[in-house]
Amino acid sequence: MDPFYLICGDAGLLERLVPLGVRLVQLRVKDQPQDVLRDQIARSQAVCRAHGTTLVLNDYWQLALDMGVDFVHLGQEDMDSADFDALRRAGIRFGLSTHDGAELDRALSLDPEYVALGPVWPTLLKKMKWGPQGLDRVTEWRRRVGDVPLVAIGGLTPARLPGVFTAGADSAAVVTDIQMAPDPEARTREWIAATEGQRKGIRHVTL
């Protein structure tokens, strides 16, 4: 699994950053009408295909089925309504969010492509009922998930990467550190450079 997991809130930003060398990106669009969502997904699919980048769609598993997106990310609430049998029949892989032990057990029972843990550090992305998990929790999750790839998310910066990977994460998911940067392109290049060494020791999971 690629150690740099970019998360973009709209297709416009994704179109700017993927050509820089991003290999794994999630489109996370919230509260938009169907026509806007379809346009955002189609644009993201086009640029990811052009650059050999894996596209993950957040939340909208029905649209993934309809539009041929082969990877989705689901939160715990999304999991309540998702048709996992339909996703499997369509060959759509899925990653799942976790925040506590019960959620991790539930996620692992569904045989996900990866599990995500967060927030590792305080995050400005959204208000959450969970406090910062910390690196000790990353290490605990590493032990519990076995060979399933582990994604760390929440408050990550390039300077914090060594600790995250040493604790056991396979990939670092990045949202606000890039979206709120004065120069998102320059910051993306920093992330790609910071994770380059990690690729040499990548767990061999094809995404």
Protein backbone atom coordinates (compact mmCIF):
# COMPACT_ATOMS: atom_id res chain seq x y z
CA MET A 1 0.00 0.00 0.00
CA ASP A 2 1.41 3.38 -0.91
CA PRO A 3 2.64 5.23 2.19
CA PHE A 4 1.20 8.56 1.00
CA TYR A 5 -2.61 8.55 0.91
CA LEU A 6 -3.90 11.90 -0.30
CA ILE A 7 -7.48 12.90 0.50
CA CYS A 8 -9.07 15.68 -1.57
CA GLY A 9 -12.34 17.47 -0.91
CA ASP A 10 -13.06 18.21 -4.56
CA ALA A 11 -12.05 17.11 -8.03
CA GLY A 12 -10.41 20.44 -8.82
CA LEU A 13 -7.76 19.96 -6.15
CA LEU A 14 -7.36 16.32 -7.10
CA GLU A 15 -6.76 17.31 -10.72
CA ARG A 16 -4.00 19.67 -9.61
CA LEU A 17 -2.20 17.27 -7.30
CA VAL A 18 -2.44 13.79 -8.84
CA PRO A 19 -0.15 14.68 -11.79
CA LEU A 20 2.63 15.51 -9.32
CA GLY A 21 3.15 11.81 -8.64
CA VAL A 22 0.35 10.87 -6.23
CA ARG A 23 -0.31 7.14 -6.40
CA LEU A 24 -3.25 6.77 -4.01
CA VAL A 25 -6.00 9.38 -3.60
CA GLN A 26 -9.43 9.55 -2.02
CA LEU A 27 -12.20 11.80 -3.27
CA ARG A 28 -14.16 12.99 -0.25
CA VAL A 29 -17.04 15.22 -1.35
CA LYS A 30 -19.77 16.10 1.14
CA ASP A 31 -23.34 17.35 0.84
CA GLN A 32 -23.62 17.83 -2.91
CA PRO A 33 -26.49 16.99 -5.30
CA GLN A 34 -26.22 13.89 -7.45
CA ASP A 35 -25.27 15.70 -10.64
CA VAL A 36 -22.39 17.44 -8.91
CA LEU A 37 -21.23 14.20 -7.31
CA ARG A 38 -21.27 12.39 -10.64
CA ASP A 39 -19.28 15.16 -12.28
CA GLN A 40 -16.74 15.15 -9.44
CA ILE A 41 -16.35 11.38 -9.65
CA ALA A 42 -16.05 11.33 -13.45
CA ARG A 43 -13.37 14.04 -13.42
CA SER A 44 -11.44 12.22 -10.70
CA GLN A 45 -11.66 8.93 -12.58
CA ALA A 46 -10.29 10.57 -15.73
CA VAL A 47 -7.22 12.10 -14.12
CA CYS A 48 -6.47 9.00 -12.05
CA ARG A 49 -6.65 6.77 -15.12
CA ALA A 50 -4.36 9.13 -17.01
CA HIS A 51 -1.71 8.96 -14.29
CA GLY A 52 -2.06 5.37 -13.09
CA THR A 53 -3.35 6.48 -9.69
CA THR A 54 -5.66 4.45 -7.50
CA LEU A 55 -8.91 6.33 -6.80
CA VAL A 56 -10.87 5.67 -3.62
CA LEU A 57 -14.38 7.12 -3.31
CA ASN A 58 -15.52 8.14 0.15
CA ASP A 59 -19.01 7.18 1.31
CA TYR A 60 -20.92 6.84 -1.96
CA TRP A 61 -20.78 3.12 -2.50
CA GLN A 62 -23.95 3.15 -4.63
CA LEU A 63 -22.34 5.59 -7.05
CA ALA A 64 -19.21 3.46 -7.06
CA LEU A 65 -21.31 0.53 -8.25
CA ASP A 66 -23.05 2.67 -10.85
CA MET A 67 -19.98 4.49 -12.19
CA GLY A 68 -17.37 1.76 -12.06
CA VAL A 69 -15.24 3.04 -9.20
CA ASP A 70 -13.43 -0.02 -7.90
CA PHE A 71 -12.46 1.20 -4.42
CA VAL A 72 -14.49 2.88 -1.66
CA HIS A 73 -13.84 4.09 1.84
CA LEU A 74 -16.60 3.73 4.41
CA GLY A 75 -17.02 5.13 7.90
CA GLN A 76 -18.83 3.29 10.63
CA GLU A 77 -22.19 4.91 9.86
CA ASP A 78 -21.75 4.17 6.17
CA MET A 79 -21.15 0.54 7.05
CA ASP A 80 -24.64 0.31 8.55
CA SER A 81 -26.27 0.79 5.15
CA ALA A 82 -23.61 -0.54 2.76
CA ASP A 83 -24.37 -3.65 0.74
CA PHE A 84 -21.08 -5.46 1.15
CA ASP A 85 -22.27 -8.46 -0.84
CA ALA A 86 -23.01 -6.19 -3.81
CA LEU A 87 -19.61 -4.55 -3.47
CA ARG A 88 -17.87 -7.92 -3.43
CA ARG A 89 -19.84 -9.18 -6.43
CA ALA A 90 -18.76 -6.08 -8.36
CA GLY A 91 -15.13 -6.54 -7.33
CA ILE A 92 -15.12 -3.25 -5.42
CA ARG A 93 -12.58 -3.15 -2.62
CA PHE A 94 -13.22 -1.19 0.54
CA GLY A 95 -11.29 0.41 3.38
CA LEU A 96 -12.97 1.04 6.73
CA SER A 97 -12.60 3.67 9.45
CA THR A 98 -12.09 2.62 13.07
CA HIS A 99 -11.75 4.51 16.31
CA ASP A 100 -12.08 1.94 19.10
CA GLY A 101 -11.73 -1.76 19.71
CA ALA A 102 -15.33 -2.67 18.96
CA GLU A 103 -15.21 -0.83 15.66
CA LEU A 104 -11.95 -2.54 14.77
CA ASP A 105 -13.44 -5.98 15.46
CA ARG A 106 -16.43 -5.12 13.28
CA ALA A 107 -14.22 -3.86 10.47
CA LEU A 108 -11.93 -6.88 10.49
CA SER A 109 -14.93 -9.23 10.33
CA LEU A 110 -15.74 -7.74 6.90
CA ASP A 111 -12.31 -8.53 5.42
CA PRO A 112 -11.42 -4.98 4.32
CA GLU A 113 -8.59 -3.97 2.00
CA TYR A 114 -7.31 -1.76 4.82
CA VAL A 115 -8.40 -0.28 8.13
CA ALA A 116 -7.89 3.33 9.11
CA LEU A 117 -7.27 4.60 12.64
CA GLY A 118 -7.75 8.18 13.69
CA PRO A 119 -7.37 10.82 14.69
CA VAL A 120 -3.79 10.05 15.67
CA TRP A 121 -3.25 13.69 16.60
CA PRO A 122 -5.75 16.54 16.99
CA THR A 123 -7.32 17.41 13.65
CA LEU A 124 -9.06 20.46 12.23
CA LEU A 125 -10.96 18.37 9.67
CA LYS A 126 -14.12 17.89 11.69
CA LYS A 127 -15.41 17.63 15.23
CA MET A 128 -15.07 14.09 16.51
CA LYS A 129 -16.22 12.34 19.64
CA TRP A 130 -12.89 10.55 19.87
CA GLY A 131 -9.81 12.20 21.30
CA PRO A 132 -6.37 11.84 19.74
CA GLN A 133 -5.43 8.17 19.57
CA GLY A 134 -1.65 8.58 19.83
CA LEU A 135 1.15 6.40 18.54
CA ASP A 136 0.65 3.71 21.19
CA ARG A 137 -2.78 3.04 19.71
CA VAL A 138 -1.25 2.79 16.25
CA THR A 139 1.09 0.12 17.60
CA GLU A 140 -1.82 -1.71 19.24
CA TRP A 141 -3.80 -1.65 15.99
CA ARG A 142 -0.75 -2.94 14.11
CA ARG A 143 -0.69 -5.97 16.39
CA ARG A 144 -4.43 -6.57 16.13
CA VAL A 145 -4.87 -6.18 12.37
CA GLY A 146 -2.20 -8.71 11.42
CA ASP A 147 -1.48 -8.52 7.70
CA VAL A 148 -4.27 -6.05 6.93
CA PRO A 149 -2.77 -2.69 5.87
CA LEU A 150 -3.13 0.05 8.48
CA VAL A 151 -3.79 3.69 7.55
CA ALA A 152 -3.12 6.45 10.09
CA ILE A 153 -5.10 9.68 9.78
CA GLY A 154 -5.52 12.89 11.73
CA GLY A 155 -3.07 15.71 12.34
CA LEU A 156 -0.30 14.17 10.25
CA THR A 157 2.61 16.22 8.93
CA PRO A 158 5.83 15.20 7.18
CA ALA A 159 7.71 15.74 10.45
CA ARG A 160 5.48 13.23 12.21
CA LEU A 161 5.88 10.51 9.59
CA PRO A 162 8.85 8.66 11.14
CA GLY A 163 6.91 8.11 14.36
CA VAL A 164 3.80 6.98 12.52
CA PHE A 165 5.64 4.41 10.44
CA THR A 166 7.77 3.22 13.34
CA ALA A 167 4.57 2.67 15.33
CA GLY A 168 3.32 0.36 12.60
CA ALA A 169 1.24 2.31 10.08
CA ASP A 170 1.57 1.32 6.44
CA SER A 171 0.16 4.53 5.04
CA ALA A 172 -0.38 8.13 6.15
CA ALA A 173 -3.65 9.75 5.08
CA VAL A 174 -3.41 13.50 4.61
CA VAL A 175 -6.20 16.04 4.36
CA THR A 176 -5.83 19.45 6.00
CA ASP A 177 -2.03 19.66 5.95
CA ILE A 178 -2.26 19.90 2.17
CA GLN A 179 -5.69 21.48 1.66
CA MET A 180 -4.85 24.36 4.02
CA ALA A 181 -1.27 24.84 2.82
CA PRO A 182 -0.45 28.15 1.12
CA ASP A 183 0.91 26.12 -1.79
CA PRO A 184 -0.78 22.69 -1.94
CA GLU A 185 1.38 21.61 -4.89
CA ALA A 186 4.61 22.34 -3.03
CA ARG A 187 3.31 20.63 0.10
CA THR A 188 2.30 17.56 -1.92
CA ARG A 189 5.83 17.35 -3.32
CA GLU A 190 7.16 17.49 0.25
CA TRP A 191 4.91 14.58 1.21
CA ILE A 192 5.94 12.52 -1.78
CA ALA A 193 9.61 13.11 -0.98
CA ALA A 194 9.07 12.38 2.72
CA THR A 195 7.45 9.02 2.00
CA GLU A 196 9.81 7.94 -0.78
CA GLY A 197 12.14 6.05 1.54
CA GLN A 198 9.20 4.22 3.07
CA ARG A 199 8.28 2.77 -0.31
CA LYS A 200 11.42 0.63 -0.23
CA GLY A 201 9.97 -1.28 2.70
CA ILE A 202 6.37 -1.30 1.50
CA ARG A 203 4.07 -4.17 2.45
CA HIS A 204 3.32 -5.86 -0.83
CA VAL A 205 -0.39 -5.11 -1.12
CA THR A 206 -1.54 -4.09 -4.58
CA LEU A 207 -3.79 -1.02 -4.51
